[in-house]
Protein backbone atom coordinates (compact mmCIF):
# COMPACT_ATOMS: atom_id res chain seq x y z
CA MET A 1 -0.17 -0.21 0.40
CA THR A 2 1.75 3.07 -0.91
CA VAL A 3 1.46 5.67 2.04
CA LEU A 4 0.83 9.87 0.31
CA THR A 5 2.34 12.50 2.72
CA PRO A 6 1.74 16.11 1.43
CA LYS A 7 4.55 18.61 0.36
CA LEU A 8 5.61 20.22 2.50
CA TRP A 9 7.41 23.91 1.44
CA ASN A 10 10.89 25.45 3.53
CA ARG A 11 11.22 29.28 2.76
CA ASP A 12 13.24 29.64 -0.03
CA GLU A 13 10.35 27.58 -2.04
CA TYR A 14 7.59 29.44 -1.04
CA TYR A 15 9.08 32.35 -2.40
CA ARG A 16 10.21 31.07 -5.36
CA LEU A 17 6.61 30.17 -6.21
CA ALA A 18 5.30 34.06 -5.15
CA ASP A 19 8.13 34.99 -7.57
CA LEU A 20 6.35 33.29 -10.17
CA GLY A 21 3.04 34.23 -9.36
CA PHE A 22 1.47 31.07 -8.28
CA PHE A 23 -0.08 33.42 -5.69
CA GLU A 24 -1.33 35.82 -7.26
CA GLY A 25 -4.34 37.58 -6.78
CA GLN A 26 -4.32 35.23 -2.96
CA ARG A 27 -3.54 36.08 0.82
CA VAL A 28 -1.52 33.07 2.07
CA GLU A 29 1.31 32.74 4.92
CA LEU A 30 3.43 29.53 5.17
CA LEU A 31 2.93 28.31 8.61
CA TYR A 32 4.86 24.80 9.50
CA GLY A 33 5.41 23.87 6.10
CA GLU A 34 2.35 24.49 4.48
CA ILE A 35 0.44 27.08 2.69
CA VAL A 36 -2.79 28.56 4.24
CA GLN A 37 -4.96 30.93 2.50
CA ILE A 38 -6.15 33.41 4.46
CA SER A 39 -9.33 34.89 5.12
CA PRO A 40 -10.34 37.98 2.68
CA GLN A 41 -11.37 41.05 5.79
CA ASN A 42 -15.10 42.22 5.72
CA LYS A 43 -15.35 46.32 7.48
CA PRO A 44 -15.66 44.96 11.32
CA PRO A 45 -11.65 43.64 10.98
CA ALA A 46 -10.18 46.35 8.44
CA LEU A 47 -11.44 48.96 11.10
CA ALA A 48 -9.89 47.49 13.90
CA LEU A 49 -6.84 46.57 12.02
CA SER A 50 -6.87 50.29 11.12
CA ARG A 51 -7.16 51.54 15.38
CA LEU A 52 -4.96 49.48 15.88
CA ASN A 53 -2.34 50.18 13.81
CA THR A 54 -2.74 54.21 14.56
CA LEU A 55 -2.58 53.33 17.90
CA LEU A 56 0.43 51.30 17.72
CA VAL A 57 2.49 53.79 15.83
CA LEU A 58 1.79 56.86 17.83
CA ALA A 59 2.70 54.33 20.84
CA TYR A 60 6.13 52.85 19.21
CA SER A 61 7.09 55.63 17.15
CA PRO A 62 10.17 55.96 16.29
CA SER A 63 11.86 53.09 17.78
CA HIS A 64 9.96 50.06 15.79
CA TYR A 65 8.38 49.58 12.61
CA VAL A 66 4.37 48.85 13.14
CA ARG A 67 4.27 45.99 10.67
CA VAL A 68 1.22 45.32 8.55
CA GLN A 69 0.24 42.00 7.24
CA LEU A 70 4.25 41.59 6.74
CA PRO A 71 5.86 38.42 6.81
CA LEU A 72 8.09 37.57 10.04
CA ASP A 73 10.87 34.71 9.27
CA LEU A 74 10.39 33.10 12.24
CA SER A 75 11.44 29.50 10.82
CA ASN A 76 12.75 28.14 7.17
CA ASP A 77 8.85 26.46 7.44
CA CYS A 78 6.92 28.87 8.95
CA GLN A 79 6.32 32.53 7.48
CA PRO A 80 3.49 33.92 8.83
CA GLU A 81 2.02 37.20 8.37
CA PRO A 82 0.36 38.51 11.62
CA ASP A 83 -2.44 41.29 11.12
CA VAL A 84 0.14 43.73 12.66
CA ALA A 85 4.06 43.21 14.26
CA VAL A 86 5.76 45.78 16.19
CA VAL A 87 9.73 45.00 15.09
CA PRO A 88 12.48 47.28 16.79
CA VAL A 89 13.86 49.34 14.11
CA ARG A 90 17.41 47.87 13.83
CA LEU A 91 15.57 44.41 13.47
CA VAL A 92 13.46 45.24 10.67
CA GLU A 93 16.62 46.40 8.84
CA GLU A 94 19.59 44.40 9.36
CA SER A 95 17.26 41.21 8.85
CA GLU A 96 16.71 39.32 5.72
CA PRO A 97 14.46 38.03 4.57
CA HIS A 98 12.37 39.34 7.38
CA PRO A 99 12.61 40.01 10.75
CA PRO A 100 12.76 36.90 13.00
CA THR A 101 10.54 38.17 15.87
CA ALA A 102 8.74 41.00 16.95
CA ASP A 103 8.13 42.62 20.61
CA LEU A 104 4.17 42.23 20.27
CA VAL A 105 2.08 40.06 17.54
CA VAL A 106 -1.92 41.39 17.01
CA GLU A 107 -4.10 39.08 15.06
CA VAL A 108 -7.50 40.54 14.60
CA ALA A 109 -9.95 37.91 14.23
CA ASP A 110 -13.05 36.56 13.34
CA THR A 111 -13.77 33.85 11.05
CA SER A 112 -10.40 32.90 12.41
CA LEU A 113 -10.94 33.05 15.98
CA LEU A 114 -10.36 29.54 17.40
CA TYR A 115 -7.29 29.03 14.69
CA ASP A 116 -5.68 32.28 16.34
CA ARG A 117 -5.68 31.18 20.38
CA THR A 118 -4.40 27.41 18.48
CA GLU A 119 -2.43 27.25 15.77
CA LYS A 120 -1.21 30.94 15.67
CA ALA A 121 -0.91 31.26 19.80
CA ALA A 122 1.50 27.70 19.83
CA MET A 123 3.47 29.20 16.87
CA TYR A 124 4.08 32.75 18.32
CA ALA A 125 4.74 31.11 21.71
CA SER A 126 7.21 28.59 20.56
CA ALA A 127 8.61 31.50 19.07
CA GLY A 128 9.48 33.46 22.08
CA ILE A 129 6.92 36.30 20.85
CA PRO A 130 6.54 37.68 24.05
CA THR A 131 3.64 38.98 24.00
CA TYR A 132 0.22 38.06 21.76
CA TRP A 133 -2.49 40.03 21.18
CA ILE A 134 -6.19 38.75 19.72
CA VAL A 135 -8.79 41.18 18.97
CA ASN A 136 -11.46 38.80 19.09
CA LEU A 137 -14.73 40.84 17.15
CA GLN A 138 -17.35 37.73 18.01
CA ASP A 139 -17.45 38.43 21.77
CA GLY A 140 -15.72 42.41 21.31
CA VAL A 141 -12.75 41.84 23.33
CA LEU A 142 -9.04 41.94 23.51
CA GLU A 143 -7.18 38.63 24.58
CA VAL A 144 -3.85 39.49 25.88
CA TYR A 145 -1.12 36.70 25.96
CA SER A 146 2.71 37.06 27.63
CA GLN A 147 5.62 35.15 29.06
CA PRO A 148 5.72 32.88 26.27
CA GLU A 149 6.57 28.72 27.01
CA SER A 150 7.40 26.36 24.68
CA GLU A 151 4.52 26.39 23.16
CA ARG A 152 1.39 27.52 24.90
CA TYR A 153 1.68 31.39 26.50
CA ALA A 154 1.83 31.33 30.80
CA GLU A 155 -0.56 34.64 30.98
CA SER A 156 -3.33 35.30 29.80
CA ARG A 157 -6.33 37.83 30.47
CA ILE A 158 -9.47 39.37 28.34
CA LEU A 159 -10.13 42.90 28.62
CA ASP A 160 -13.34 44.43 27.59
CA ARG A 161 -13.75 47.35 25.94
CA THR A 162 -13.83 49.73 29.28
CA GLU A 163 -10.85 48.50 30.38
CA THR A 164 -7.35 50.09 29.96
CA LEU A 165 -4.47 48.41 28.77
CA GLU A 166 -0.64 49.47 28.39
CA PHE A 167 1.20 48.81 24.98
CA PRO A 168 4.42 46.34 26.25
CA GLY A 169 7.33 48.51 27.37
CA THR A 170 5.94 52.23 26.21
CA GLY A 171 4.67 53.29 29.63
CA LYS A 172 1.72 54.80 27.44
CA VAL A 173 -2.03 53.10 28.25
CA VAL A 174 -4.70 52.84 25.65
CA ASP A 175 -8.78 52.34 26.18
CA VAL A 176 -9.98 48.96 24.60
CA GLY A 177 -12.98 50.71 23.55
CA ALA A 178 -10.45 53.22 20.99
CA ILE A 179 -9.44 49.40 19.31
CA LEU A 180 -12.70 47.62 19.31
CA PRO A 181 -15.18 48.07 16.52
CA GLY A 182 -18.71 49.04 17.21
């Protein structure tokens, strides 16, 4: 009996396919060797992402770049494109092809909520990303994960729109309601 196994891709193959136009008009990312399609954004996620981008740029400039839907080079088989990654300027400018880490990663989740809580959280924790947020549009809350340990985060909090939150490492505080649409 023949056993079929899927082809797992590495970073170089993934970028070669992109250069050849295989993903034209599609949103994809490389996760553990698999090329995964990303859902298109409707208004609530786009609005949350726009609000978050503006707030993060104000909080972290000029020491960090706020990278929106751009790759992180976590490993040879893992090139996620988080909705937002806050990365020190030096690291962005010195890294090839993309930064290998971030100080903060954010996913805006509606239909992808379960995946972002499980697969993405494990991936970011195992990469040592110190802080991971999920803008949970289904429940209208912000999920905050910190202290990565192996494939999980040791601490988690759920904040509603009436609460405040400090941007990690800045001392600057924001109302969660300023991030969440609606």
